[in-house]
Amino acid sequence: MTRVLEDVERAEDTALTRAAQRGDATALGLLLERHRPGMRAVALSLLGPGPDVDDVMQDAALVALRRIGDVRDPAAVGAWLRMVVRNGSRTVLRAARRTEPLAEVPLPPALTTPEHVLDKHALRDWIWEAVEELSPALRLPVVLRYFSTGVTSYQQIAEACGIPVGTVRSRLNQARAGLARALEATAAGAHEDARRRTEEGWLEVHETLAAAERGEYDKVVADRYTPDVTLLSAGRRLGGSGLLVAGMEGDLSAGVRQHPANVIAGRSLVVWEMDLANPPDAPDHCPPGVAWIMTLEGGRIDRVSLYHTPRPAPTVQATA
């Protein structure tokens, strides 16, 4: 079951990362929320307790906003986010050893400016709306720091705004905190959506099993699955809707029953974890459990991957 959960987490990370790369700020907020403990652990291990940890976490959220499009392996986004925190923490440590407080945030290469990245993955509208919510005093430093290409250092921003470097640092800290709160707010709203989807998921799995018991699983497939739905196992394509219906009806006629144990429901990914009960006369007909890992397209299921929980290894009796 641990392997199933790991696969589910990787699939959820992949779905959320791809959504964020398409411009879904809520998906990015959820990614940051789900990986926040690991990111914070990295910052604490390098910086120790203190305000620098919060600053690095807030800066990491903005780096993620700018550079989520750079992630090549969406399933490994957690490692990428921890790397962002690690780099930010090392920047703070290097700055602490200098005599002037001019900490720098690594920017993308010249051909991949923050503006270019935001244009590329459509988060520009979200972040500009969030920036507009900041006070004018905070807005200008953060725009220069994160969106200009030539006025990004604390000293340059101080000269451009006519304020001391220490004030630049203070205002950027406040602005980062405000933008981070905005991201957290999108995640909080998404958590409410996730709770509702989970409740609906439990209802759907019970309705599906009840329909199957009535011999109406084919109607469920026609209504809730895409016409070209794909059934897979261990990454191999087994068939389509016909095999789904035949498999369900075959198990029911053999006396096998599925009992929901857990439901995970997202916008594009749904997982049903089932305990399987075999008939008394065929106790080994099916493995002890199965996970239905389903991806959605346009609100309908278009891909079903089945993972069967392995049977426990037989106990070997020691001989005298």
C-alpha atoms as a PDB file:
ATOM      1  CA  MET A   1       0.000   0.000   0.000  1.00  0.00           C
ATOM      2  CA  THR A   2       2.953   2.325   0.660  1.00  0.00           C
ATOM      3  CA  ARG A   3       4.003   1.975  -2.967  1.00  0.00           C
ATOM      4  CA  VAL A   4       0.455   2.831  -4.070  1.00  0.00           C
ATOM      5  CA  LEU A   5       0.432   6.000  -1.960  1.00  0.00           C
ATOM      6  CA  GLU A   6       3.829   7.028  -3.341  1.00  0.00           C
ATOM      7  CA  ASP A   7       2.568   6.519  -6.885  1.00  0.00           C
ATOM      8  CA  VAL A   8      -0.548   8.539  -6.066  1.00  0.00           C
ATOM      9  CA  GLU A   9       1.522  11.392  -4.587  1.00  0.00           C
ATOM     10  CA  ARG A  10       3.740  11.459  -7.671  1.00  0.00           C
ATOM     11  CA  ALA A  11       0.680  11.481  -9.922  1.00  0.00           C
ATOM     12  CA  GLU A  12      -0.865  14.329  -7.907  1.00  0.00           C
ATOM     13  CA  ASP A  13       2.403  16.292  -8.054  1.00  0.00           C
ATOM     14  CA  THR A  14       2.502  15.763 -11.812  1.00  0.00           C
ATOM     15  CA  ALA A  15      -1.081  16.936 -12.276  1.00  0.00           C
ATOM     16  CA  LEU A  16      -0.627  19.994 -10.045  1.00  0.00           C
ATOM     17  CA  THR A  17       2.690  20.973 -11.643  1.00  0.00           C
ATOM     18  CA  ARG A  18       1.314  20.753 -15.148  1.00  0.00           C
ATOM     19  CA  ALA A  19      -1.711  22.785 -14.105  1.00  0.00           C
ATOM     20  CA  ALA A  20       0.573  25.423 -12.545  1.00  0.00           C
ATOM     21  CA  GLN A  21       2.649  25.524 -15.725  1.00  0.00           C
ATOM     22  CA  ARG A  22      -0.575  26.235 -17.626  1.00  0.00           C
ATOM     23  CA  GLY A  23      -1.197  29.221 -15.336  1.00  0.00           C
ATOM     24  CA  ASP A  24      -3.274  27.779 -12.480  1.00  0.00           C
ATOM     25  CA  ALA A  25      -2.152  29.724  -9.392  1.00  0.00           C
ATOM     26  CA  THR A  26      -4.348  27.560  -7.157  1.00  0.00           C
ATOM     27  CA  ALA A  27      -2.428  24.476  -8.280  1.00  0.00           C
ATOM     28  CA  LEU A  28       0.845  26.208  -7.445  1.00  0.00           C
ATOM     29  CA  GLY A  29      -0.495  27.191  -4.040  1.00  0.00           C
ATOM     30  CA  LEU A  30      -1.424  23.573  -3.365  1.00  0.00           C
ATOM     31  CA  LEU A  31       2.030  22.390  -4.429  1.00  0.00           C
ATOM     32  CA  LEU A  32       3.647  24.814  -1.997  1.00  0.00           C
ATOM     33  CA  GLU A  33       1.284  23.738   0.783  1.00  0.00           C
ATOM     34  CA  ARG A  34       1.872  20.007   0.321  1.00  0.00           C
ATOM     35  CA  HIS A  35       5.665  20.444   0.194  1.00  0.00           C
ATOM     36  CA  ARG A  36       5.908  23.173   2.845  1.00  0.00           C
ATOM     37  CA  PRO A  37       7.116  20.826   5.658  1.00  0.00           C
ATOM     38  CA  GLY A  38       9.990  19.465   3.550  1.00  0.00           C
ATOM     39  CA  MET A  39      10.939  22.927   2.291  1.00  0.00           C
ATOM     40  CA  ARG A  40      10.921  24.374   5.792  1.00  0.00           C
ATOM     41  CA  ALA A  41      12.994  21.459   7.102  1.00  0.00           C
ATOM     42  CA  VAL A  42      15.689  22.283   4.522  1.00  0.00           C
ATOM     43  CA  ALA A  43      15.722  25.951   5.530  1.00  0.00           C
ATOM     44  CA  LEU A  44      15.917  25.089   9.238  1.00  0.00           C
ATOM     45  CA  SER A  45      18.738  22.611   8.675  1.00  0.00           C
ATOM     46  CA  LEU A  46      20.851  25.310   6.973  1.00  0.00           C
ATOM     47  CA  LEU A  47      19.824  28.484   8.798  1.00  0.00           C
ATOM     48  CA  GLY A  48      18.553  27.328  12.175  1.00  0.00           C
ATOM     49  CA  PRO A  49      15.455  28.865  13.800  1.00  0.00           C
ATOM     50  CA  GLY A  50      14.884  32.533  13.087  1.00  0.00           C
ATOM     51  CA  PRO A  51      13.263  35.081  10.772  1.00  0.00           C
ATOM     52  CA  ASP A  52      15.578  34.162   7.884  1.00  0.00           C
ATOM     53  CA  VAL A  53      13.667  30.893   7.505  1.00  0.00           C
ATOM     54  CA  ASP A  54      10.395  32.731   6.890  1.00  0.00           C
ATOM     55  CA  ASP A  55      12.111  35.077   4.431  1.00  0.00           C
ATOM     56  CA  VAL A  56      13.567  32.165   2.482  1.00  0.00           C
ATOM     57  CA  MET A  57      10.224  30.361   2.405  1.00  0.00           C
ATOM     58  CA  GLN A  58       8.485  33.476   1.093  1.00  0.00           C
ATOM     59  CA  ASP A  59      11.195  34.038  -1.494  1.00  0.00           C
ATOM     60  CA  ALA A  60      10.932  30.404  -2.578  1.00  0.00           C
ATOM     61  CA  ALA A  61       7.225  30.928  -3.300  1.00  0.00           C
ATOM     62  CA  LEU A  62       8.077  33.820  -5.633  1.00  0.00           C
ATOM     63  CA  VAL A  63      10.867  31.865  -7.305  1.00  0.00           C
ATOM     64  CA  ALA A  64       8.351  29.071  -7.865  1.00  0.00           C
ATOM     65  CA  LEU A  65       5.951  31.591  -9.407  1.00  0.00           C
ATOM     66  CA  ARG A  66       8.648  32.764 -11.792  1.00  0.00           C
ATOM     67  CA  ARG A  67      10.206  29.443 -12.641  1.00  0.00           C
ATOM     68  CA  ILE A  68       7.631  26.669 -12.358  1.00  0.00           C
ATOM     69  CA  GLY A  69       7.795  26.456 -16.135  1.00  0.00           C
ATOM     70  CA  ASP A  70      11.426  25.290 -15.819  1.00  0.00           C
ATOM     71  CA  VAL A  71      10.444  22.045 -14.070  1.00  0.00           C
ATOM     72  CA  ARG A  72      11.113  19.228 -16.522  1.00  0.00           C
ATOM     73  CA  ASP A  73       9.993  16.313 -14.346  1.00  0.00           C
ATOM     74  CA  PRO A  74       6.668  17.290 -12.753  1.00  0.00           C
ATOM     75  CA  ALA A  75       6.675  14.176 -10.556  1.00  0.00           C
ATOM     76  CA  ALA A  76       9.910  15.442  -8.926  1.00  0.00           C
ATOM     77  CA  VAL A  77       8.632  18.943  -8.181  1.00  0.00           C
ATOM     78  CA  GLY A  78       9.114  18.385  -4.440  1.00  0.00           C
ATOM     79  CA  ALA A  79      12.858  17.923  -4.919  1.00  0.00           C
ATOM     80  CA  TRP A  80      12.913  21.021  -7.131  1.00  0.00           C
ATOM     81  CA  LEU A  81      11.161  23.129  -4.478  1.00  0.00           C
ATOM     82  CA  ARG A  82      13.574  21.926  -1.804  1.00  0.00           C
ATOM     83  CA  MET A  83      16.463  22.863  -4.111  1.00  0.00           C
ATOM     84  CA  VAL A  84      14.996  26.369  -4.458  1.00  0.00           C
ATOM     85  CA  VAL A  85      14.927  26.683  -0.658  1.00  0.00           C
ATOM     86  CA  ARG A  86      18.450  25.269  -0.376  1.00  0.00           C
ATOM     87  CA  ASN A  87      19.781  27.814  -2.882  1.00  0.00           C
ATOM     88  CA  GLY A  88      17.952  30.645  -1.158  1.00  0.00           C
ATOM     89  CA  SER A  89      19.326  29.599   2.228  1.00  0.00           C
ATOM     90  CA  ARG A  90      22.873  29.484   0.894  1.00  0.00           C
ATOM     91  CA  THR A  91      22.398  32.973  -0.563  1.00  0.00           C
ATOM     92  CA  VAL A  92      21.409  34.208   2.905  1.00  0.00           C
ATOM     93  CA  LEU A  93      24.457  32.526   4.446  1.00  0.00           C
ATOM     94  CA  ARG A  94      26.778  34.066   1.861  1.00  0.00           C
ATOM     95  CA  ALA A  95      25.213  37.489   2.389  1.00  0.00           C
ATOM     96  CA  ALA A  96      25.714  37.197   6.162  1.00  0.00           C
ATOM     97  CA  ARG A  97      29.464  36.863   5.615  1.00  0.00           C
ATOM     98  CA  ARG A  98      29.618  40.126   3.632  1.00  0.00           C
ATOM     99  CA  THR A  99      29.980  43.592   5.103  1.00  0.00           C
ATOM    100  CA  GLU A 100      27.121  45.014   3.013  1.00  0.00           C
ATOM    101  CA  PRO A 101      23.547  43.632   3.074  1.00  0.00           C
ATOM    102  CA  LEU A 102      23.130  43.079  -0.675  1.00  0.00           C
ATOM    103  CA  ALA A 103      21.736  39.561  -0.801  1.00  0.00           C
ATOM    104  CA  GLU A 104      20.994  38.468  -4.350  1.00  0.00           C
ATOM    105  CA  VAL A 105      18.281  36.126  -5.542  1.00  0.00           C
ATOM    106  CA  PRO A 106      19.376  33.887  -8.457  1.00  0.00           C
ATOM    107  CA  LEU A 107      17.494  34.920 -11.585  1.00  0.00           C
ATOM    108  CA  PRO A 108      16.820  32.858 -14.711  1.00  0.00           C
ATOM    109  CA  PRO A 109      19.241  33.228 -17.636  1.00  0.00           C
ATOM    110  CA  ALA A 110      18.935  36.377 -19.745  1.00  0.00           C
ATOM    111  CA  LEU A 111      16.840  34.594 -22.349  1.00  0.00           C
ATOM    112  CA  THR A 112      14.443  33.358 -19.650  1.00  0.00           C
ATOM    113  CA  THR A 113      13.538  36.503 -17.746  1.00  0.00           C
ATOM    114  CA  PRO A 114      10.795  36.474 -15.104  1.00  0.00           C
ATOM    115  CA  GLU A 115       8.527  38.335 -17.523  1.00  0.00           C
ATOM    116  CA  HIS A 116       9.221  35.742 -20.232  1.00  0.00           C
ATOM    117  CA  VAL A 117       8.481  32.873 -17.856  1.00  0.00           C
ATOM    118  CA  LEU A 118       5.250  34.498 -16.681  1.00  0.00           C
ATOM    119  CA  ASP A 119       4.192  35.038 -20.282  1.00  0.00           C
ATOM    120  CA  LYS A 120       5.063  31.437 -21.003  1.00  0.00           C
ATOM    121  CA  HIS A 121       2.956  29.766 -18.326  1.00  0.00           C
ATOM    122  CA  ALA A 122       0.231  32.391 -17.881  1.00  0.00           C
ATOM    123  CA  LEU A 123       0.673  33.090 -14.166  1.00  0.00           C
ATOM    124  CA  ARG A 124       1.262  36.742 -15.074  1.00  0.00           C
ATOM    125  CA  ASP A 125      -2.386  37.720 -14.617  1.00  0.00           C
ATOM    126  CA  TRP A 126      -2.542  36.149 -11.152  1.00  0.00           C
ATOM    127  CA  ILE A 127       0.665  37.687  -9.852  1.00  0.00           C
ATOM    128  CA  TRP A 128      -0.105  41.117 -11.241  1.00  0.00           C
ATOM    129  CA  GLU A 129      -3.476  41.043  -9.518  1.00  0.00           C
ATOM    130  CA  ALA A 130      -1.692  40.080  -6.292  1.00  0.00           C
ATOM    131  CA  VAL A 131       0.913  42.840  -6.789  1.00  0.00           C
ATOM    132  CA  GLU A 132      -1.858  45.395  -7.329  1.00  0.00           C
ATOM    133  CA  GLU A 133      -3.214  44.489  -3.877  1.00  0.00           C
ATOM    134  CA  LEU A 134       0.031  45.705  -2.287  1.00  0.00           C
ATOM    135  CA  SER A 135       0.391  49.288  -1.122  1.00  0.00           C
ATOM    136  CA  PRO A 136       2.185  51.636  -3.558  1.00  0.00           C
ATOM    137  CA  ALA A 137       5.203  51.771  -1.237  1.00  0.00           C
ATOM    138  CA  LEU A 138       5.591  47.987  -1.411  1.00  0.00           C
ATOM    139  CA  ARG A 139       4.563  47.589  -5.042  1.00  0.00           C
ATOM    140  CA  LEU A 140       7.444  49.413  -6.727  1.00  0.00           C
ATOM    141  CA  PRO A 141      10.321  47.597  -4.966  1.00  0.00           C
ATOM    142  CA  VAL A 142       8.813  44.171  -5.611  1.00  0.00           C
ATOM    143  CA  VAL A 143       8.161  44.930  -9.292  1.00  0.00           C
ATOM    144  CA  LEU A 144      11.738  46.125  -9.759  1.00  0.00           C
ATOM    145  CA  ARG A 145      13.206  43.211  -7.819  1.00  0.00           C
ATOM    146  CA  TYR A 146      11.310  40.453  -9.578  1.00  0.00           C
ATOM    147  CA  PHE A 147      10.270  41.792 -12.972  1.00  0.00           C
ATOM    148  CA  SER A 148      12.930  44.210 -14.148  1.00  0.00           C
ATOM    149  CA  THR A 149      16.116  42.971 -15.772  1.00  0.00           C
ATOM    150  CA  GLY A 150      18.492  45.786 -14.806  1.00  0.00           C
ATOM    151  CA  VAL A 151      17.253  47.208 -11.481  1.00  0.00           C
ATOM    152  CA  THR A 152      17.253  44.164  -9.228  1.00  0.00           C
ATOM    153  CA  SER A 153      19.882  44.656  -6.513  1.00  0.00           C
ATOM    154  CA  TYR A 154      18.963  46.282  -3.223  1.00  0.00           C
ATOM    155  CA  GLN A 155      21.300  49.205  -3.969  1.00  0.00           C
ATOM    156  CA  GLN A 156      19.807  49.809  -7.420  1.00  0.00           C
ATOM    157  CA  ILE A 157      16.253  49.662  -6.076  1.00  0.00           C
ATOM    158  CA  ALA A 158      17.204  52.061  -3.258  1.00  0.00           C
ATOM    159  CA  GLU A 159      18.574  54.557  -5.770  1.00  0.00           C
ATOM    160  CA  ALA A 160      15.566  54.204  -8.065  1.00  0.00           C
ATOM    161  CA  CYS A 161      13.074  54.691  -5.224  1.00  0.00           C
ATOM    162  CA  GLY A 162      15.077  57.302  -3.314  1.00  0.00           C
ATOM    163  CA  ILE A 163      15.019  55.312  -0.075  1.00  0.00           C
ATOM    164  CA  PRO A 164      17.717  53.669   2.079  1.00  0.00           C
ATOM    165  CA  VAL A 165      18.841  50.105   1.383  1.00  0.00           C
ATOM    166  CA  GLY A 166      17.488  49.017   4.758  1.00  0.00           C
ATOM    167  CA  THR A 167      14.051  50.319   3.778  1.00  0.00           C
ATOM    168  CA  VAL A 168      14.236  48.358   0.526  1.00  0.00           C
ATOM    169  CA  ARG A 169      14.941  45.196   2.482  1.00  0.00           C
ATOM    170  CA  SER A 170      12.050  45.883   4.880  1.00  0.00           C
ATOM    171  CA  ARG A 171       9.557  46.653   2.115  1.00  0.00           C
ATOM    172  CA  LEU A 172      10.569  43.600   0.097  1.00  0.00           C
ATOM    173  CA  ASN A 173      10.088  41.427   3.177  1.00  0.00           C
ATOM    174  CA  GLN A 174       6.584  42.854   3.631  1.00  0.00           C
ATOM    175  CA  ALA A 175       5.781  42.459  -0.071  1.00  0.00           C
ATOM    176  CA  ARG A 176       6.999  38.862  -0.155  1.00  0.00           C
ATOM    177  CA  ALA A 177       4.884  38.077   2.880  1.00  0.00           C
ATOM    178  CA  GLY A 178       1.844  39.631   1.205  1.00  0.00           C
ATOM    179  CA  LEU A 179       2.319  37.660  -1.999  1.00  0.00           C
ATOM    180  CA  ALA A 180       2.941  34.460  -0.033  1.00  0.00           C
ATOM    181  CA  ARG A 181      -0.316  35.038   1.861  1.00  0.00           C
ATOM    182  CA  ALA A 182      -2.097  35.478  -1.455  1.00  0.00           C
ATOM    183  CA  LEU A 183      -0.789  32.117  -2.613  1.00  0.00           C
ATOM    184  CA  GLU A 184      -1.793  30.517   0.681  1.00  0.00           C
ATOM    185  CA  ALA A 185      -5.281  31.970   0.234  1.00  0.00           C
ATOM    186  CA  THR A 186      -5.626  30.273  -3.153  1.00  0.00           C
ATOM    187  CA  ALA A 187      -4.525  27.025  -1.520  1.00  0.00           C
ATOM    188  CA  ALA A 188      -7.033  27.454   1.321  1.00  0.00           C
ATOM    189  CA  GLY A 189      -9.836  27.886  -1.188  1.00  0.00           C
ATOM    190  CA  ALA A 190      -8.610  24.839  -3.046  1.00  0.00           C
ATOM    191  CA  HIS A 191      -8.613  22.837   0.200  1.00  0.00           C
ATOM    192  CA  GLU A 192     -12.325  23.616   0.549  1.00  0.00           C
ATOM    193  CA  ASP A 193     -12.830  22.418  -3.022  1.00  0.00           C
ATOM    194  CA  ALA A 194     -10.807  19.297  -2.258  1.00  0.00           C
ATOM    195  CA  ARG A 195     -12.984  18.521   0.775  1.00  0.00           C
ATOM    196  CA  ARG A 196     -16.101  18.855  -1.348  1.00  0.00           C
ATOM    197  CA  ARG A 197     -14.603  16.703  -4.117  1.00  0.00           C
ATOM    198  CA  THR A 198     -13.647  14.036  -1.599  1.00  0.00           C
ATOM    199  CA  GLU A 199     -17.172  13.909  -0.206  1.00  0.00           C
ATOM    200  CA  GLU A 200     -18.530  13.637  -3.727  1.00  0.00           C
ATOM    201  CA  GLY A 201     -15.936  10.944  -4.467  1.00  0.00           C
ATOM    202  CA  TRP A 202     -17.149   8.772  -1.586  1.00  0.00           C
ATOM    203  CA  LEU A 203     -20.714   9.172  -2.816  1.00  0.00           C
ATOM    204  CA  GLU A 204     -19.713   8.293  -6.367  1.00  0.00           C
ATOM    205  CA  VAL A 205     -17.830   5.125  -5.419  1.00  0.00           C
ATOM    206  CA  HIS A 206     -20.809   3.844  -3.406  1.00  0.00           C
ATOM    207  CA  GLU A 207     -23.208   4.720  -6.220  1.00  0.00           C
ATOM    208  CA  THR A 208     -20.954   2.959  -8.725  1.00  0.00           C
ATOM    209  CA  LEU A 209     -20.774  -0.241  -6.681  1.00  0.00           C
ATOM    210  CA  ALA A 210     -24.527  -0.188  -6.090  1.00  0.00           C
ATOM    211  CA  ALA A 211     -25.164   0.228  -9.820  1.00  0.00           C
ATOM    212  CA  ALA A 212     -22.803  -2.659 -10.546  1.00  0.00           C
ATOM    213  CA  GLU A 213     -24.712  -4.865  -8.096  1.00  0.00           C
ATOM    214  CA  ARG A 214     -27.890  -4.023 -10.038  1.00  0.00           C
ATOM    215  CA  GLY A 215     -26.215  -5.026 -13.309  1.00  0.00           C
ATOM    216  CA  GLU A 216     -26.015  -1.402 -14.483  1.00  0.00           C
ATOM    217  CA  TYR A 217     -22.255  -0.843 -14.492  1.00  0.00           C
ATOM    218  CA  ASP A 218     -22.352  -0.421 -18.279  1.00  0.00           C
ATOM    219  CA  LYS A 219     -24.604   2.621 -17.763  1.00  0.00           C
ATOM    220  CA  VAL A 220     -22.103   4.099 -15.301  1.00  0.00           C
ATOM    221  CA  VAL A 221     -19.285   3.638 -17.804  1.00  0.00           C
ATOM    222  CA  ALA A 222     -21.332   5.220 -20.583  1.00  0.00           C
ATOM    223  CA  ASP A 223     -22.245   8.186 -18.372  1.00  0.00           C
ATOM    224  CA  ARG A 224     -19.051   8.898 -16.434  1.00  0.00           C
ATOM    225  CA  TYR A 225     -16.254   7.590 -18.660  1.00  0.00           C
ATOM    226  CA  THR A 226     -15.024   8.907 -22.006  1.00  0.00           C
ATOM    227  CA  PRO A 227     -15.876   6.765 -25.057  1.00  0.00           C
ATOM    228  CA  ASP A 228     -12.204   5.896 -25.580  1.00  0.00           C
ATOM    229  CA  VAL A 229     -11.375   5.229 -21.912  1.00  0.00           C
ATOM    230  CA  THR A 230      -8.210   3.166 -21.457  1.00  0.00           C
ATOM    231  CA  LEU A 231      -7.761   0.411 -18.867  1.00  0.00           C
ATOM    232  CA  LEU A 232      -4.191  -0.274 -17.760  1.00  0.00           C
ATOM    233  CA  SER A 233      -2.354  -2.473 -15.299  1.00  0.00           C
ATOM    234  CA  ALA A 234       1.342  -2.092 -14.454  1.00  0.00           C
ATOM    235  CA  GLY A 235       1.547   0.463 -17.249  1.00  0.00           C
ATOM    236  CA  ARG A 236       0.273  -1.966 -19.916  1.00  0.00           C
ATOM    237  CA  ARG A 237      -2.880  -1.250 -21.861  1.00  0.00           C
ATOM    238  CA  LEU A 238      -5.423  -4.004 -21.332  1.00  0.00           C
ATOM    239  CA  GLY A 239      -8.418  -2.674 -23.203  1.00  0.00           C
ATOM    240  CA  GLY A 240     -11.239  -0.166 -23.056  1.00  0.00           C
ATOM    241  CA  SER A 241     -14.770   0.217 -21.753  1.00  0.00           C
ATOM    242  CA  GLY A 242     -15.795  -3.288 -22.806  1.00  0.00           C
ATOM    243  CA  LEU A 243     -13.112  -4.881 -20.662  1.00  0.00           C
ATOM    244  CA  LEU A 244     -13.988  -2.614 -17.726  1.00  0.00           C
ATOM    245  CA  VAL A 245     -17.590  -3.786 -17.808  1.00  0.00           C
ATOM    246  CA  ALA A 246     -16.688  -7.441 -18.398  1.00  0.00           C
ATOM    247  CA  GLY A 247     -14.174  -7.405 -15.545  1.00  0.00           C
ATOM    248  CA  MET A 248     -16.614  -5.897 -13.075  1.00  0.00           C
ATOM    249  CA  GLU A 249     -19.419  -8.256 -14.063  1.00  0.00           C
ATOM    250  CA  GLY A 250     -17.071 -11.247 -13.968  1.00  0.00           C
ATOM    251  CA  ASP A 251     -15.894 -10.475 -10.432  1.00  0.00           C
ATOM    252  CA  LEU A 252     -19.452  -9.957  -9.209  1.00  0.00           C
ATOM    253  CA  SER A 253     -20.662 -13.220 -10.734  1.00  0.00           C
ATOM    254  CA  ALA A 254     -17.748 -15.001  -9.051  1.00  0.00           C
ATOM    255  CA  GLY A 255     -18.835 -13.631  -5.675  1.00  0.00           C
ATOM    256  CA  VAL A 256     -16.096 -11.010  -5.280  1.00  0.00           C
ATOM    257  CA  ARG A 257     -17.136  -7.798  -3.551  1.00  0.00           C
ATOM    258  CA  GLN A 258     -15.302  -4.453  -3.305  1.00  0.00           C
ATOM    259  CA  HIS A 259     -15.434  -2.348  -0.138  1.00  0.00           C
ATOM    260  CA  PRO A 260     -14.163   1.266  -0.309  1.00  0.00           C
ATOM    261  CA  ALA A 261     -11.272   1.918   2.077  1.00  0.00           C
ATOM    262  CA  ASN A 262     -10.093   5.341   0.956  1.00  0.00           C
ATOM    263  CA  VAL A 263     -10.966   7.997  -1.620  1.00  0.00           C
ATOM    264  CA  ILE A 264      -8.656  10.691  -3.001  1.00  0.00           C
ATOM    265  CA  ALA A 265     -10.359  13.165  -5.320  1.00  0.00           C
ATOM    266  CA  GLY A 266      -8.758  15.997  -7.249  1.00  0.00           C
ATOM    267  CA  ARG A 267      -9.791  17.991 -10.284  1.00  0.00           C
ATOM    268  CA  SER A 268      -7.886  15.743 -12.675  1.00  0.00           C
ATOM    269  CA  LEU A 269      -7.103  12.664 -10.600  1.00  0.00           C
ATOM    270  CA  VAL A 270      -9.284  10.325  -8.529  1.00  0.00           C
ATOM    271  CA  VAL A 271      -8.150   7.270  -6.574  1.00  0.00           C
ATOM    272  CA  TRP A 272     -10.395   4.626  -5.066  1.00  0.00           C
ATOM    273  CA  GLU A 273      -8.654   2.210  -2.699  1.00  0.00           C
ATOM    274  CA  MET A 274     -10.714  -0.949  -2.243  1.00  0.00           C
ATOM    275  CA  ASP A 275     -10.586  -3.972   0.036  1.00  0.00           C
ATOM    276  CA  LEU A 276     -11.550  -7.094  -1.902  1.00  0.00           C
ATOM    277  CA  ALA A 277     -13.653  -9.844  -0.295  1.00  0.00           C
ATOM    278  CA  ASN A 278     -13.445 -13.228  -2.028  1.00  0.00           C
ATOM    279  CA  PRO A 279     -16.165 -15.907  -1.832  1.00  0.00           C
ATOM    280  CA  PRO A 280     -15.594 -18.643   0.778  1.00  0.00           C
ATOM    281  CA  ASP A 281     -15.183 -21.315  -1.894  1.00  0.00           C
ATOM    282  CA  ALA A 282     -12.495 -19.305  -3.739  1.00  0.00           C
ATOM    283  CA  PRO A 283     -10.497 -17.386  -1.120  1.00  0.00           C
ATOM    284  CA  ASP A 284      -7.622 -16.722  -3.541  1.00  0.00           C
ATOM    285  CA  HIS A 285      -9.736 -15.532  -6.464  1.00  0.00           C
ATOM    286  CA  CYS A 286      -8.517 -11.929  -6.133  1.00  0.00           C
ATOM    287  CA  PRO A 287      -5.722 -10.180  -4.221  1.00  0.00           C
ATOM    288  CA  PRO A 288      -6.671  -8.542  -0.908  1.00  0.00           C
ATOM    289  CA  GLY A 289      -7.055  -5.078  -2.369  1.00  0.00           C
ATOM    290  CA  VAL A 290      -7.067  -2.909  -5.476  1.00  0.00           C
ATOM    291  CA  ALA A 291      -6.514   0.776  -6.189  1.00  0.00           C
ATOM    292  CA  TRP A 292      -8.402   2.389  -9.042  1.00  0.00           C
ATOM    293  CA  ILE A 293      -6.182   5.276 -10.211  1.00  0.00           C
ATOM    294  CA  MET A 294      -8.265   7.375 -12.600  1.00  0.00           C
ATOM    295  CA  THR A 295      -7.436  10.493 -14.603  1.00  0.00           C
ATOM    296  CA  LEU A 296     -10.159  12.823 -15.818  1.00  0.00           C
ATOM    297  CA  GLU A 297     -10.618  14.743 -19.033  1.00  0.00           C
ATOM    298  CA  GLY A 298     -13.409  17.289 -19.189  1.00  0.00           C
ATOM    299  CA  GLY A 299     -14.915  15.904 -15.991  1.00  0.00           C
ATOM    300  CA  ARG A 300     -15.091  12.314 -17.306  1.00  0.00           C
ATOM    301  CA  ILE A 301     -12.734   9.422 -16.588  1.00  0.00           C
ATOM    302  CA  ASP A 302     -10.495   8.703 -19.563  1.00  0.00           C
ATOM    303  CA  ARG A 303      -7.801   6.481 -18.031  1.00  0.00           C
ATOM    304  CA  VAL A 304      -8.026   3.777 -15.362  1.00  0.00           C
ATOM    305  CA  SER A 305      -4.901   2.155 -13.915  1.00  0.00           C
ATOM    306  CA  LEU A 306      -5.456  -0.799 -11.609  1.00  0.00           C
ATOM    307  CA  TYR A 307      -2.941  -1.652  -8.907  1.00  0.00           C
ATOM    308  CA  HIS A 308      -3.589  -4.862  -6.970  1.00  0.00           C
ATOM    309  CA  THR A 309      -2.226  -5.168  -3.462  1.00  0.00           C
ATOM    310  CA  PRO A 310       0.157  -8.158  -3.365  1.00  0.00           C
ATOM    311  CA  ARG A 311      -0.830 -11.146  -1.295  1.00  0.00           C
ATOM    312  CA  PRO A 312       1.200 -11.639   1.867  1.00  0.00           C
ATOM    313  CA  ALA A 313       4.123 -13.972   1.456  1.00  0.00           C
ATOM    314  CA  PRO A 314       3.399 -17.443   2.867  1.00  0.00           C
ATOM    315  CA  THR A 315       4.824 -18.143   6.270  1.00  0.00           C
ATOM    316  CA  VAL A 316       7.528 -20.796   6.224  1.00  0.00           C
ATOM    317  CA  GLN A 317       7.418 -23.112   9.210  1.00  0.00           C
ATOM    318  CA  ALA A 318      10.791 -23.962  10.677  1.00  0.00           C
ATOM    319  CA  THR A 319      11.514 -27.676  10.851  1.00  0.00           C
ATOM    320  CA  ALA A 320      13.262 -29.306  13.732  1.00  0.00           C
END
